[in-house]
Structures are given as structure tokens and as C-alpha cells.
Amino acid sequence: MIRCCIFDLDGTLLNTLNALTVTTNLTLEHFGYGPVDEAHVRQFVGDGYKLLMERALRYCGDEKLTHYEESLTVYTDLFARHSMDGVHPYRGIPELLEGLKKRGIRIAVLSNKPHARAVENIEAVFGSGYFDYVAGEQPGVPRKPDPAGVRLILERFGVLPEECLYFGDTNTDMKTGLGAGLNTVGVTWGFRGRAELESFHPQYIIDSPDEVLSGKIL
């Protein structure tokens, strides 16, 4: 019996690609680089903003990462202003979440986005308190794909791994869910493709949120 669902944020619940691209390009522009297109940002994201900036700088020619440390501060400042630019839920996500809540299934978010920005995104779109728990990147908790964040949520909810589903759109998410021993659901509407998800052999791969409550999974 499923009692809990844990969702990745970017590319799973919310389409945040515009906000990430805008912030990345404004940061690169600060150092005379860029811009990069959304297709490349799709590949850079998923492992936290530090790796995002490392990948973006290398792509733009800063192989020695001369500007890396400063870029983290610049990015953080800019993201505080642009983290909601064009952000919206994927089609079918609000209905899926409502359906889960009606069934008494607890819902949580686990993201590698900085915690304050993760909370801002979720509360701006779904309202304060809609999710049972929201966690972004925080000191003392290793970021995904380390399963520590998942385990903290399971402990908080008092549920077993087999009682929880994990949803995500990238290789990082597949490693996270499977590494924590959860039935893992790869979603194809996000930032990466089906082939990447299939290579990790999650229990489910879905093309639309409405597949979850249709009997395919729940």
C-alpha cells in the first residue's frame, strides 16, 4: 500500500526551465560569456546550482573555472529575483496531486534547488502548506542522488520504503529513488528523455501525470 509520494521539483512538478535559463545567462553575462540556449541548460541542471554553474562556465570556455567561486554568489543573488520567471506546473500535475491527497497519500518535495527557492516555487504555485513537506538543498543533508534526503522524509512520515513512490525526470532522480529502495517513477515530460530514464530501469516510466491514478501505478 502506497502511503507517500516524493516528487522532484524542476522538470517533474514544475517547468522552471525559463527561470533557470534566465538566471544562468545573466550570471554568464556578468563575466562576459553566453548566452546558452534552453537545450543546453536542460543538460546542465539536476545536480544543484553549483554543478550548473560549473557546467555552464566550462561550456562557455572557462575550462579553468576562473570565475567559478564568484559565479555562485552572482547566481544566488540573481536567482532570488528570477526564480519564478515563467514557472508553471506541468499539465495534469495539479489534478494528480489532488487525487493523491483525496486518497490520503502524503506528498513531499525533494529538490537540489536551494531550499528557500524550492519553498518559494512550491508555495507560489500550490500555496503554503499544500505539500506535507518541502525540502531543497540544505546544510548537513547531502544533495541527491544521495538517498539521505529521502530517508529523512520517510522517517518524518513514519513510512517504509516500499510504501513510497519517488517521481523524477533525470538520471539523478533515478539514482536517488532506486538507491533509497523506493519504487521509482521516471517522467518523460521534464528535462531529459526516455532513453536516459530507461537506462536506470525504474519500476515505471510515464508520459503523463494522469497515468498514475489510472490503475497503471495506483
N, C-alpha and C. Protein backbone atom coordinates (compact mmCIF):
# COMPACT_ATOMS: atom_id res chain seq x y z
N MET A 1 0.85 -1.20 0.00
CA MET A 1 0.00 0.00 0.00
C MET A 1 0.88 1.25 0.00
N ILE A 2 0.61 2.15 -0.93
CA ILE A 2 1.37 3.39 -1.02
C ILE A 2 0.79 4.43 -0.08
N ARG A 3 1.63 4.96 0.80
CA ARG A 3 1.21 5.97 1.77
C ARG A 3 1.86 7.32 1.54
N CYS A 4 2.84 7.37 0.64
CA CYS A 4 3.62 8.60 0.47
C CYS A 4 4.14 8.67 -0.96
N CYS A 5 4.17 9.88 -1.52
CA CYS A 5 4.81 10.13 -2.82
C CYS A 5 5.78 11.29 -2.66
N ILE A 6 7.01 11.08 -3.10
CA ILE A 6 8.03 12.12 -3.06
C ILE A 6 8.32 12.55 -4.50
N PHE A 7 8.30 13.86 -4.73
CA PHE A 7 8.49 14.41 -6.07
C PHE A 7 9.74 15.26 -6.15
N ASP A 8 10.50 15.08 -7.22
CA ASP A 8 11.46 16.08 -7.63
C ASP A 8 10.68 17.33 -8.02
N LEU A 9 11.34 18.48 -8.05
CA LEU A 9 10.65 19.73 -8.36
C LEU A 9 10.84 20.12 -9.83
N ASP A 10 12.05 20.55 -10.19
CA ASP A 10 12.33 21.04 -11.54
C ASP A 10 12.19 19.92 -12.57
N GLY A 11 11.32 20.11 -13.53
CA GLY A 11 11.16 19.12 -14.58
C GLY A 11 10.22 17.99 -14.22
N THR A 12 9.70 17.99 -13.01
CA THR A 12 8.77 16.93 -12.58
C THR A 12 7.43 17.54 -12.19
N LEU A 13 7.44 18.41 -11.20
CA LEU A 13 6.24 19.13 -10.80
C LEU A 13 6.07 20.42 -11.60
N LEU A 14 7.16 21.17 -11.71
CA LEU A 14 7.10 22.50 -12.32
C LEU A 14 8.07 22.62 -13.49
N ASN A 15 7.62 23.32 -14.52
CA ASN A 15 8.51 23.69 -15.61
C ASN A 15 9.21 24.99 -15.21
N THR A 16 10.44 24.86 -14.80
CA THR A 16 11.23 26.01 -14.31
C THR A 16 12.34 26.37 -15.28
N LEU A 17 12.30 25.82 -16.49
CA LEU A 17 13.42 25.96 -17.41
C LEU A 17 13.70 27.42 -17.76
N ASN A 18 12.65 28.21 -17.94
CA ASN A 18 12.86 29.62 -18.28
C ASN A 18 13.60 30.34 -17.16
N ALA A 19 13.19 30.13 -15.92
CA ALA A 19 13.84 30.79 -14.78
C ALA A 19 15.30 30.38 -14.67
N LEU A 20 15.57 29.10 -14.86
CA LEU A 20 16.95 28.61 -14.78
C LEU A 20 17.80 29.16 -15.91
N THR A 21 17.23 29.24 -17.11
CA THR A 21 17.98 29.76 -18.25
C THR A 21 18.26 31.24 -18.10
N VAL A 22 17.25 32.00 -17.68
CA VAL A 22 17.43 33.44 -17.47
C VAL A 22 18.53 33.70 -16.44
N THR A 23 18.47 33.02 -15.32
CA THR A 23 19.44 33.24 -14.25
C THR A 23 20.83 32.81 -14.68
N THR A 24 20.93 31.68 -15.35
CA THR A 24 22.23 31.21 -15.83
C THR A 24 22.84 32.21 -16.80
N ASN A 25 22.05 32.70 -17.74
CA ASN A 25 22.58 33.61 -18.75
C ASN A 25 22.94 34.98 -18.16
N LEU A 26 22.17 35.45 -17.21
CA LEU A 26 22.53 36.71 -16.56
C LEU A 26 23.83 36.57 -15.78
N THR A 27 24.02 35.40 -15.18
CA THR A 27 25.27 35.15 -14.46
C THR A 27 26.45 35.09 -15.43
N LEU A 28 26.28 34.37 -16.52
CA LEU A 28 27.34 34.29 -17.53
C LEU A 28 27.65 35.66 -18.13
N GLU A 29 26.60 36.43 -18.38
CA GLU A 29 26.78 37.77 -18.94
C GLU A 29 27.64 38.64 -18.02
N HIS A 30 27.51 38.45 -16.72
CA HIS A 30 28.31 39.19 -15.74
C HIS A 30 29.80 39.00 -16.00
N PHE A 31 30.18 37.85 -16.54
CA PHE A 31 31.58 37.54 -16.79
C PHE A 31 31.95 37.62 -18.27
N GLY A 32 31.01 38.13 -19.08
CA GLY A 32 31.28 38.30 -20.50
C GLY A 32 31.07 37.05 -21.33
N TYR A 33 30.33 36.08 -20.81
CA TYR A 33 30.07 34.83 -21.51
C TYR A 33 28.60 34.73 -21.93
N GLY A 34 28.35 33.67 -22.70
CA GLY A 34 26.97 33.32 -23.05
C GLY A 34 26.44 34.09 -24.22
N PRO A 35 25.14 33.95 -24.47
CA PRO A 35 24.19 33.12 -23.71
C PRO A 35 24.22 31.66 -24.15
N VAL A 36 23.59 30.81 -23.33
CA VAL A 36 23.38 29.41 -23.70
C VAL A 36 21.88 29.20 -23.88
N ASP A 37 21.53 28.27 -24.76
CA ASP A 37 20.11 28.07 -25.03
C ASP A 37 19.51 27.08 -24.03
N GLU A 38 18.18 26.98 -24.06
CA GLU A 38 17.47 26.13 -23.12
C GLU A 38 17.84 24.66 -23.27
N ALA A 39 18.16 24.26 -24.49
CA ALA A 39 18.51 22.85 -24.71
C ALA A 39 19.75 22.47 -23.91
N HIS A 40 20.72 23.37 -23.82
CA HIS A 40 21.92 23.07 -23.04
C HIS A 40 21.65 23.19 -21.54
N VAL A 41 20.84 24.16 -21.15
CA VAL A 41 20.51 24.28 -19.73
C VAL A 41 19.81 23.02 -19.24
N ARG A 42 18.97 22.42 -20.07
CA ARG A 42 18.32 21.14 -19.71
C ARG A 42 19.33 20.10 -19.29
N GLN A 43 20.48 20.10 -19.96
CA GLN A 43 21.51 19.11 -19.67
C GLN A 43 22.38 19.51 -18.47
N PHE A 44 22.45 20.80 -18.19
CA PHE A 44 23.29 21.28 -17.10
C PHE A 44 22.63 21.12 -15.73
N VAL A 45 21.30 21.14 -15.68
CA VAL A 45 20.59 21.18 -14.41
C VAL A 45 20.38 19.78 -13.85
N GLY A 46 19.95 19.74 -12.58
CA GLY A 46 19.58 18.48 -11.94
C GLY A 46 20.41 18.12 -10.74
N ASP A 47 21.61 18.70 -10.65
CA ASP A 47 22.52 18.34 -9.56
C ASP A 47 22.87 19.52 -8.66
N GLY A 48 22.01 20.54 -8.66
CA GLY A 48 22.26 21.71 -7.83
C GLY A 48 22.92 22.83 -8.62
N TYR A 49 22.81 24.06 -8.10
CA TYR A 49 23.28 25.23 -8.84
C TYR A 49 24.80 25.28 -8.97
N LYS A 50 25.52 24.66 -8.06
CA LYS A 50 26.99 24.69 -8.14
C LYS A 50 27.48 23.93 -9.37
N LEU A 51 26.94 22.75 -9.58
CA LEU A 51 27.31 22.00 -10.78
C LEU A 51 26.74 22.63 -12.04
N LEU A 52 25.57 23.27 -11.92
CA LEU A 52 25.02 24.00 -13.05
C LEU A 52 26.00 25.06 -13.53
N MET A 53 26.52 25.84 -12.60
CA MET A 53 27.45 26.90 -12.98
C MET A 53 28.78 26.34 -13.47
N GLU A 54 29.24 25.28 -12.86
CA GLU A 54 30.49 24.66 -13.34
C GLU A 54 30.33 24.21 -14.79
N ARG A 55 29.23 23.54 -15.09
CA ARG A 55 28.99 23.05 -16.45
C ARG A 55 28.83 24.21 -17.45
N ALA A 56 28.10 25.24 -17.03
CA ALA A 56 27.86 26.38 -17.92
C ALA A 56 29.17 27.13 -18.21
N LEU A 57 29.98 27.34 -17.20
CA LEU A 57 31.25 28.05 -17.40
C LEU A 57 32.19 27.25 -18.30
N ARG A 58 32.27 25.96 -18.08
CA ARG A 58 33.12 25.13 -18.94
C ARG A 58 32.63 25.18 -20.39
N TYR A 59 31.33 25.10 -20.56
CA TYR A 59 30.75 25.15 -21.90
C TYR A 59 31.12 26.45 -22.60
N CYS A 60 31.16 27.54 -21.84
CA CYS A 60 31.45 28.86 -22.42
C CYS A 60 32.94 29.14 -22.56
N GLY A 61 33.77 28.18 -22.16
CA GLY A 61 35.21 28.34 -22.37
C GLY A 61 36.05 28.57 -21.14
N ASP A 62 35.43 28.70 -19.98
CA ASP A 62 36.19 28.90 -18.74
C ASP A 62 36.59 27.54 -18.18
N GLU A 63 37.48 26.85 -18.90
CA GLU A 63 37.87 25.50 -18.52
C GLU A 63 38.55 25.43 -17.17
N LYS A 64 39.26 26.49 -16.81
CA LYS A 64 39.96 26.51 -15.52
C LYS A 64 39.06 27.01 -14.39
N LEU A 65 37.80 27.31 -14.73
CA LEU A 65 36.81 27.78 -13.75
C LEU A 65 37.31 28.98 -12.96
N THR A 66 37.90 29.90 -13.68
CA THR A 66 38.45 31.12 -13.08
C THR A 66 37.37 31.90 -12.33
N HIS A 67 36.16 31.89 -12.86
CA HIS A 67 35.08 32.69 -12.28
C HIS A 67 34.12 31.87 -11.43
N TYR A 68 34.47 30.62 -11.18
CA TYR A 68 33.52 29.72 -10.54
C TYR A 68 33.03 30.21 -9.18
N GLU A 69 33.94 30.50 -8.28
CA GLU A 69 33.54 30.89 -6.92
C GLU A 69 32.67 32.14 -6.93
N GLU A 70 33.07 33.14 -7.70
CA GLU A 70 32.27 34.37 -7.77
C GLU A 70 30.93 34.10 -8.43
N SER A 71 30.90 33.19 -9.40
CA SER A 71 29.65 32.91 -10.10
C SER A 71 28.58 32.36 -9.17
N LEU A 72 28.97 31.66 -8.13
CA LEU A 72 28.00 31.11 -7.19
C LEU A 72 27.27 32.22 -6.45
N THR A 73 28.00 33.24 -6.05
CA THR A 73 27.39 34.38 -5.38
C THR A 73 26.49 35.16 -6.34
N VAL A 74 27.00 35.39 -7.55
CA VAL A 74 26.22 36.12 -8.54
C VAL A 74 24.93 35.37 -8.87
N TYR A 75 25.05 34.07 -9.09
CA TYR A 75 23.88 33.26 -9.42
C TYR A 75 22.86 33.29 -8.30
N THR A 76 23.32 33.12 -7.07
CA THR A 76 22.41 33.09 -5.93
C THR A 76 21.64 34.40 -5.82
N ASP A 77 22.33 35.52 -5.98
CA ASP A 77 21.68 36.83 -5.90
C ASP A 77 20.65 37.01 -7.02
N LEU A 78 21.02 36.61 -8.23
CA LEU A 78 20.11 36.76 -9.36
C LEU A 78 18.92 35.81 -9.26
N PHE A 79 19.17 34.60 -8.77
CA PHE A 79 18.09 33.62 -8.68
C PHE A 79 17.02 34.04 -7.69
N ALA A 80 17.42 34.77 -6.66
CA ALA A 80 16.45 35.26 -5.69
C ALA A 80 15.44 36.20 -6.36
N ARG A 81 15.85 36.82 -7.47
CA ARG A 81 14.97 37.75 -8.18
C ARG A 81 14.24 37.11 -9.35
N HIS A 82 14.79 36.03 -9.88
CA HIS A 82 14.25 35.46 -11.12
C HIS A 82 13.75 34.03 -10.99
N SER A 83 13.71 33.49 -9.79
CA SER A 83 13.39 32.07 -9.64
C SER A 83 11.94 31.72 -10.01
N MET A 84 11.07 32.72 -10.14
CA MET A 84 9.69 32.46 -10.53
C MET A 84 9.40 32.85 -11.98
N ASP A 85 10.41 33.28 -12.73
CA ASP A 85 10.18 33.75 -14.10
C ASP A 85 9.64 32.62 -14.98
N GLY A 86 8.39 32.72 -15.38
CA GLY A 86 7.80 31.75 -16.28
C GLY A 86 7.51 30.39 -15.68
N VAL A 87 7.60 30.25 -14.38
CA VAL A 87 7.40 28.95 -13.72
C VAL A 87 5.92 28.57 -13.72
N HIS A 88 5.63 27.33 -14.07
CA HIS A 88 4.25 26.85 -14.07
C HIS A 88 4.24 25.33 -13.92
N PRO A 89 3.15 24.79 -13.39
CA PRO A 89 3.06 23.33 -13.25
C PRO A 89 2.85 22.67 -14.60
N TYR A 90 3.37 21.46 -14.74
CA TYR A 90 3.09 20.70 -15.95
C TYR A 90 1.62 20.30 -15.99
N ARG A 91 1.10 20.16 -17.20
CA ARG A 91 -0.29 19.79 -17.37
C ARG A 91 -0.58 18.46 -16.68
N GLY A 92 -1.63 18.45 -15.88
CA GLY A 92 -2.03 17.24 -15.17
C GLY A 92 -1.47 17.10 -13.77
N ILE A 93 -0.46 17.90 -13.44
CA ILE A 93 0.14 17.80 -12.10
C ILE A 93 -0.84 18.24 -11.00
N PRO A 94 -1.54 19.37 -11.12
CA PRO A 94 -2.49 19.74 -10.06
C PRO A 94 -3.54 18.66 -9.81
N GLU A 95 -4.04 18.05 -10.89
CA GLU A 95 -5.06 17.02 -10.76
C GLU A 95 -4.47 15.76 -10.09
N LEU A 96 -3.24 15.42 -10.43
CA LEU A 96 -2.59 14.27 -9.80
C LEU A 96 -2.44 14.50 -8.30
N LEU A 97 -1.95 15.68 -7.93
CA LEU A 97 -1.74 15.97 -6.52
C LEU A 97 -3.05 15.94 -5.74
N GLU A 98 -4.10 16.50 -6.32
CA GLU A 98 -5.41 16.48 -5.66
C GLU A 98 -5.89 15.04 -5.48
N GLY A 99 -5.69 14.23 -6.50
CA GLY A 99 -6.10 12.84 -6.41
C GLY A 99 -5.36 12.08 -5.32
N LEU A 100 -4.07 12.34 -5.19
CA LEU A 100 -3.28 11.69 -4.13
C LEU A 100 -3.77 12.12 -2.76
N LYS A 101 -4.01 13.41 -2.60
CA LYS A 101 -4.46 13.92 -1.31
C LYS A 101 -5.82 13.33 -0.93
N LYS A 102 -6.71 13.19 -1.91
CA LYS A 102 -8.03 12.61 -1.64
C LYS A 102 -7.94 11.17 -1.19
N ARG A 103 -6.88 10.49 -1.60
CA ARG A 103 -6.67 9.11 -1.20
C ARG A 103 -5.92 8.99 0.13
N GLY A 104 -5.59 10.13 0.72
CA GLY A 104 -4.89 10.12 1.99
C GLY A 104 -3.41 9.84 1.87
N ILE A 105 -2.87 9.99 0.66
CA ILE A 105 -1.45 9.76 0.42
C ILE A 105 -0.69 11.07 0.66
N ARG A 106 0.33 11.01 1.50
CA ARG A 106 1.10 12.20 1.82
C ARG A 106 2.03 12.54 0.66
N ILE A 107 2.25 13.83 0.44
CA ILE A 107 3.07 14.28 -0.68
C ILE A 107 4.20 15.17 -0.18
N ALA A 108 5.38 14.97 -0.77
CA ALA A 108 6.56 15.72 -0.37
C ALA A 108 7.37 16.10 -1.60
N VAL A 109 8.20 17.11 -1.45
CA VAL A 109 9.12 17.56 -2.50
C VAL A 109 10.55 17.41 -1.99
N LEU A 110 11.41 16.82 -2.83
CA LEU A 110 12.83 16.76 -2.53
C LEU A 110 13.59 17.27 -3.74
N SER A 111 14.26 18.40 -3.57
CA SER A 111 14.90 19.09 -4.69
C SER A 111 16.35 19.41 -4.37
N ASN A 112 17.17 19.52 -5.42
CA ASN A 112 18.53 20.04 -5.25
C ASN A 112 18.59 21.55 -5.41
N LYS A 113 17.45 22.17 -5.64
CA LYS A 113 17.37 23.63 -5.69
C LYS A 113 17.61 24.17 -4.28
N PRO A 114 18.27 25.34 -4.13
CA PRO A 114 18.42 25.92 -2.79
C PRO A 114 17.09 25.95 -2.04
N HIS A 115 17.11 25.61 -0.77
CA HIS A 115 15.88 25.38 -0.02
C HIS A 115 14.90 26.56 -0.10
N ALA A 116 15.38 27.77 0.08
CA ALA A 116 14.49 28.92 0.07
C ALA A 116 13.78 29.08 -1.27
N ARG A 117 14.50 28.81 -2.35
CA ARG A 117 13.90 28.91 -3.68
C ARG A 117 12.93 27.77 -3.95
N ALA A 118 13.23 26.58 -3.44
CA ALA A 118 12.30 25.46 -3.59
C ALA A 118 10.98 25.76 -2.90
N VAL A 119 11.06 26.26 -1.69
CA VAL A 119 9.84 26.61 -0.94
C VAL A 119 9.09 27.72 -1.67
N GLU A 120 9.82 28.71 -2.17
CA GLU A 120 9.20 29.82 -2.90
C GLU A 120 8.43 29.31 -4.12
N ASN A 121 9.06 28.45 -4.91
CA ASN A 121 8.41 27.89 -6.10
C ASN A 121 7.14 27.15 -5.73
N ILE A 122 7.24 26.26 -4.78
CA ILE A 122 6.10 25.42 -4.42
C ILE A 122 4.96 26.24 -3.83
N GLU A 123 5.28 27.13 -2.90
CA GLU A 123 4.22 27.92 -2.26
C GLU A 123 3.58 28.91 -3.22
N ALA A 124 4.36 29.46 -4.16
CA ALA A 124 3.81 30.42 -5.12
C ALA A 124 2.81 29.74 -6.05
N VAL A 125 3.07 28.49 -6.39
CA VAL A 125 2.21 27.78 -7.34
C VAL A 125 1.06 27.04 -6.65
N PHE A 126 1.37 26.36 -5.54
CA PHE A 126 0.38 25.49 -4.90
C PHE A 126 -0.17 26.03 -3.59
N GLY A 127 0.48 27.04 -3.03
CA GLY A 127 0.03 27.60 -1.76
C GLY A 127 0.81 27.04 -0.58
N SER A 128 0.87 27.82 0.47
CA SER A 128 1.57 27.41 1.69
C SER A 128 0.84 26.25 2.35
N GLY A 129 1.60 25.23 2.73
CA GLY A 129 1.02 24.10 3.44
C GLY A 129 0.36 23.06 2.57
N TYR A 130 0.38 23.24 1.26
CA TYR A 130 -0.28 22.26 0.38
C TYR A 130 0.44 20.92 0.43
N PHE A 131 1.76 20.97 0.35
CA PHE A 131 2.56 19.75 0.49
C PHE A 131 2.80 19.47 1.96
N ASP A 132 2.92 18.19 2.29
CA ASP A 132 3.19 17.80 3.67
C ASP A 132 4.62 18.14 4.08
N TYR A 133 5.51 18.22 3.10
CA TYR A 133 6.90 18.56 3.41
C TYR A 133 7.59 19.00 2.13
N VAL A 134 8.43 20.04 2.22
CA VAL A 134 9.22 20.53 1.09
C VAL A 134 10.66 20.68 1.54
N ALA A 135 11.58 20.06 0.81
CA ALA A 135 12.99 20.15 1.16
C ALA A 135 13.82 20.47 -0.08
N GLY A 136 14.56 21.58 -0.02
CA GLY A 136 15.56 21.87 -1.03
C GLY A 136 16.93 21.53 -0.47
N GLU A 137 17.97 21.98 -1.16
CA GLU A 137 19.32 21.73 -0.68
C GLU A 137 19.55 22.50 0.61
N GLN A 138 20.01 21.80 1.64
CA GLN A 138 20.22 22.40 2.96
C GLN A 138 21.53 21.91 3.55
N PRO A 139 22.17 22.73 4.39
CA PRO A 139 23.41 22.30 5.04
C PRO A 139 23.19 21.04 5.87
N GLY A 140 24.14 20.14 5.81
CA GLY A 140 24.08 18.94 6.63
C GLY A 140 23.36 17.77 6.00
N VAL A 141 22.70 18.01 4.85
CA VAL A 141 21.99 16.92 4.15
C VAL A 141 22.59 16.81 2.75
N PRO A 142 23.24 15.70 2.43
CA PRO A 142 23.82 15.55 1.10
C PRO A 142 22.76 15.69 0.02
N ARG A 143 23.12 16.33 -1.07
CA ARG A 143 22.13 16.50 -2.14
C ARG A 143 21.97 15.19 -2.91
N LYS A 144 20.85 15.11 -3.62
CA LYS A 144 20.60 13.96 -4.48
C LYS A 144 21.75 13.81 -5.48
N PRO A 145 22.16 12.60 -5.84
CA PRO A 145 21.46 11.32 -5.67
C PRO A 145 21.69 10.60 -4.34
N ASP A 146 22.37 11.24 -3.40
CA ASP A 146 22.48 10.61 -2.09
C ASP A 146 21.07 10.38 -1.54
N PRO A 147 20.78 9.21 -1.01
CA PRO A 147 19.42 8.91 -0.54
C PRO A 147 19.08 9.49 0.83
N ALA A 148 20.00 10.26 1.43
CA ALA A 148 19.78 10.76 2.79
C ALA A 148 18.50 11.59 2.90
N GLY A 149 18.26 12.46 1.91
CA GLY A 149 17.06 13.29 1.95
C GLY A 149 15.78 12.48 1.91
N VAL A 150 15.78 11.43 1.10
CA VAL A 150 14.62 10.53 1.04
C VAL A 150 14.40 9.87 2.38
N ARG A 151 15.46 9.38 2.97
CA ARG A 151 15.34 8.68 4.25
C ARG A 151 14.83 9.58 5.36
N LEU A 152 15.21 10.85 5.33
CA LEU A 152 14.70 11.79 6.32
C LEU A 152 13.19 11.97 6.17
N ILE A 153 12.71 12.02 4.93
CA ILE A 153 11.27 12.17 4.69
C ILE A 153 10.52 10.92 5.16
N LEU A 154 11.05 9.75 4.85
CA LEU A 154 10.42 8.51 5.28
C LEU A 154 10.32 8.45 6.80
N GLU A 155 11.40 8.86 7.46
CA GLU A 155 11.40 8.87 8.92
C GLU A 155 10.39 9.87 9.45
N ARG A 156 10.33 11.03 8.82
CA ARG A 156 9.39 12.07 9.25
C ARG A 156 7.95 11.61 9.13
N PHE A 157 7.64 10.88 8.06
CA PHE A 157 6.29 10.40 7.82
C PHE A 157 6.00 9.07 8.49
N GLY A 158 7.04 8.40 8.93
CA GLY A 158 6.85 7.09 9.55
C GLY A 158 6.39 6.03 8.57
N VAL A 159 6.97 6.06 7.35
CA VAL A 159 6.61 5.08 6.33
C VAL A 159 7.83 4.28 5.91
N LEU A 160 7.59 3.10 5.37
CA LEU A 160 8.65 2.23 4.89
C LEU A 160 8.95 2.54 3.43
N PRO A 161 10.16 2.22 2.95
CA PRO A 161 10.48 2.47 1.54
C PRO A 161 9.47 1.88 0.57
N GLU A 162 8.98 0.67 0.86
CA GLU A 162 8.04 0.03 -0.04
C GLU A 162 6.66 0.68 -0.02
N GLU A 163 6.44 1.61 0.89
CA GLU A 163 5.17 2.32 0.97
C GLU A 163 5.23 3.69 0.30
N CYS A 164 6.32 3.94 -0.43
CA CYS A 164 6.53 5.27 -1.01
C CYS A 164 6.95 5.18 -2.47
N LEU A 165 6.44 6.09 -3.28
CA LEU A 165 6.87 6.25 -4.67
C LEU A 165 7.74 7.48 -4.79
N TYR A 166 8.76 7.40 -5.65
CA TYR A 166 9.60 8.56 -5.93
C TYR A 166 9.47 8.91 -7.41
N PHE A 167 9.18 10.19 -7.71
CA PHE A 167 8.99 10.67 -9.08
C PHE A 167 10.11 11.64 -9.47
N GLY A 168 10.68 11.43 -10.66
CA GLY A 168 11.70 12.35 -11.13
C GLY A 168 11.94 12.23 -12.62
N ASP A 169 12.69 13.19 -13.17
CA ASP A 169 12.84 13.27 -14.63
C ASP A 169 14.28 13.12 -15.12
N THR A 170 15.25 12.90 -14.22
CA THR A 170 16.65 12.85 -14.65
C THR A 170 17.35 11.62 -14.10
N ASN A 171 18.57 11.41 -14.57
CA ASN A 171 19.39 10.32 -14.05
C ASN A 171 19.63 10.47 -12.56
N THR A 172 19.78 11.71 -12.10
CA THR A 172 19.97 11.96 -10.68
C THR A 172 18.79 11.44 -9.87
N ASP A 173 17.59 11.67 -10.39
CA ASP A 173 16.39 11.20 -9.69
C ASP A 173 16.29 9.69 -9.69
N MET A 174 16.63 9.07 -10.81
CA MET A 174 16.56 7.61 -10.86
C MET A 174 17.53 7.01 -9.84
N LYS A 175 18.72 7.56 -9.76
CA LYS A 175 19.70 7.09 -8.78
C LYS A 175 19.19 7.30 -7.36
N THR A 176 18.53 8.42 -7.13
CA THR A 176 18.01 8.75 -5.81
C THR A 176 16.95 7.77 -5.36
N GLY A 177 15.92 7.63 -6.17
CA GLY A 177 14.81 6.75 -5.80
C GLY A 177 15.22 5.30 -5.67
N LEU A 178 15.94 4.81 -6.66
CA LEU A 178 16.36 3.41 -6.62
C LEU A 178 17.36 3.17 -5.50
N GLY A 179 18.24 4.14 -5.27
CA GLY A 179 19.23 3.99 -4.21
C GLY A 179 18.63 3.97 -2.83
N ALA A 180 17.45 4.60 -2.68
CA ALA A 180 16.76 4.61 -1.39
C ALA A 180 15.82 3.43 -1.24
N GLY A 181 15.75 2.59 -2.27
CA GLY A 181 14.90 1.41 -2.20
C GLY A 181 13.44 1.67 -2.45
N LEU A 182 13.12 2.79 -3.12
CA LEU A 182 11.73 3.13 -3.40
C LEU A 182 11.33 2.66 -4.79
N ASN A 183 10.05 2.36 -4.99
CA ASN A 183 9.53 2.19 -6.34
C ASN A 183 9.64 3.54 -7.03
N THR A 184 10.37 3.56 -8.13
CA THR A 184 10.76 4.83 -8.74
C THR A 184 10.04 5.02 -10.07
N VAL A 185 9.55 6.26 -10.28
CA VAL A 185 8.76 6.58 -11.47
C VAL A 185 9.52 7.63 -12.27
N GLY A 186 9.94 7.27 -13.47
CA GLY A 186 10.56 8.23 -14.37
C GLY A 186 9.50 8.94 -15.18
N VAL A 187 9.58 10.27 -15.27
CA VAL A 187 8.60 11.04 -16.02
C VAL A 187 9.26 11.65 -17.25
N THR A 188 8.61 11.50 -18.40
CA THR A 188 9.23 11.90 -19.66
C THR A 188 8.93 13.33 -20.07
N TRP A 189 8.10 14.04 -19.30
CA TRP A 189 7.72 15.41 -19.71
C TRP A 189 8.71 16.46 -19.22
N GLY A 190 9.77 16.06 -18.54
CA GLY A 190 10.68 17.01 -17.93
C GLY A 190 11.89 17.38 -18.78
N PHE A 191 13.04 17.43 -18.13
CA PHE A 191 14.24 17.99 -18.76
C PHE A 191 15.06 16.97 -19.55
N ARG A 192 14.81 15.69 -19.38
CA ARG A 192 15.61 14.67 -20.07
C ARG A 192 14.68 13.73 -20.84
N GLY A 193 15.25 12.83 -21.59
CA GLY A 193 14.45 11.96 -22.43
C GLY A 193 14.23 10.57 -21.85
N ARG A 194 13.39 9.81 -22.53
CA ARG A 194 13.05 8.47 -22.11
C ARG A 194 14.28 7.56 -22.04
N ALA A 195 15.18 7.70 -23.01
CA ALA A 195 16.34 6.81 -23.05
C ALA A 195 17.17 6.92 -21.78
N GLU A 196 17.36 8.14 -21.28
CA GLU A 196 18.12 8.32 -20.05
C GLU A 196 17.43 7.61 -18.88
N LEU A 197 16.14 7.75 -18.80
CA LEU A 197 15.39 7.12 -17.71
C LEU A 197 15.44 5.60 -17.83
N GLU A 198 15.23 5.09 -19.03
CA GLU A 198 15.20 3.64 -19.25
C GLU A 198 16.52 2.98 -18.88
N SER A 199 17.62 3.71 -19.03
CA SER A 199 18.93 3.12 -18.74
C SER A 199 19.11 2.76 -17.28
N PHE A 200 18.25 3.30 -16.41
CA PHE A 200 18.33 3.01 -14.97
C PHE A 200 17.28 1.99 -14.52
N HIS A 201 16.41 1.59 -15.43
CA HIS A 201 15.42 0.55 -15.16
C HIS A 201 14.55 0.85 -13.93
N PRO A 202 13.92 2.03 -13.91
CA PRO A 202 12.97 2.30 -12.82
C PRO A 202 11.76 1.39 -12.95
N GLN A 203 10.98 1.29 -11.87
CA GLN A 203 9.81 0.41 -11.91
C GLN A 203 8.78 0.89 -12.93
N TYR A 204 8.68 2.21 -13.12
CA TYR A 204 7.69 2.77 -14.04
C TYR A 204 8.31 3.92 -14.83
N ILE A 205 7.86 4.09 -16.06
CA ILE A 205 8.13 5.30 -16.84
C ILE A 205 6.80 5.76 -17.41
N ILE A 206 6.46 7.03 -17.18
CA ILE A 206 5.16 7.53 -17.63
C ILE A 206 5.33 8.78 -18.47
N ASP A 207 4.37 8.98 -19.37
CA ASP A 207 4.40 10.12 -20.28
C ASP A 207 3.43 11.23 -19.86
N SER A 208 2.56 10.93 -18.89
CA SER A 208 1.57 11.91 -18.45
C SER A 208 1.20 11.66 -17.00
N PRO A 209 0.97 12.71 -16.21
CA PRO A 209 0.59 12.51 -14.82
C PRO A 209 -0.68 11.70 -14.62
N ASP A 210 -1.58 11.72 -15.61
CA ASP A 210 -2.85 11.02 -15.43
C ASP A 210 -2.68 9.50 -15.45
N GLU A 211 -1.50 9.02 -15.83
CA GLU A 211 -1.24 7.58 -15.80
C GLU A 211 -1.13 7.04 -14.37
N VAL A 212 -0.81 7.91 -13.42
CA VAL A 212 -0.54 7.45 -12.06
C VAL A 212 -1.80 6.88 -11.41
N LEU A 213 -2.91 7.61 -11.53
CA LEU A 213 -4.14 7.22 -10.85
C LEU A 213 -5.07 6.39 -11.74
N SER A 214 -4.59 6.04 -12.91
CA SER A 214 -5.43 5.31 -13.86
C SER A 214 -5.44 3.82 -13.61
N GLY A 215 -4.66 3.36 -12.63
CA GLY A 215 -4.55 1.94 -12.38
C GLY A 215 -3.22 1.37 -12.82
N LYS A 216 -2.44 2.15 -13.59
CA LYS A 216 -1.13 1.69 -14.02
C LYS A 216 -0.17 1.61 -12.85
N ILE A 217 -0.29 2.58 -11.94
CA ILE A 217 0.60 2.62 -10.77
C ILE A 217 -0.20 2.50 -9.48
N LEU A 218 -1.26 3.32 -9.35
CA LEU A 218 -2.11 3.30 -8.15
C LEU A 218 -3.55 2.94 -8.53
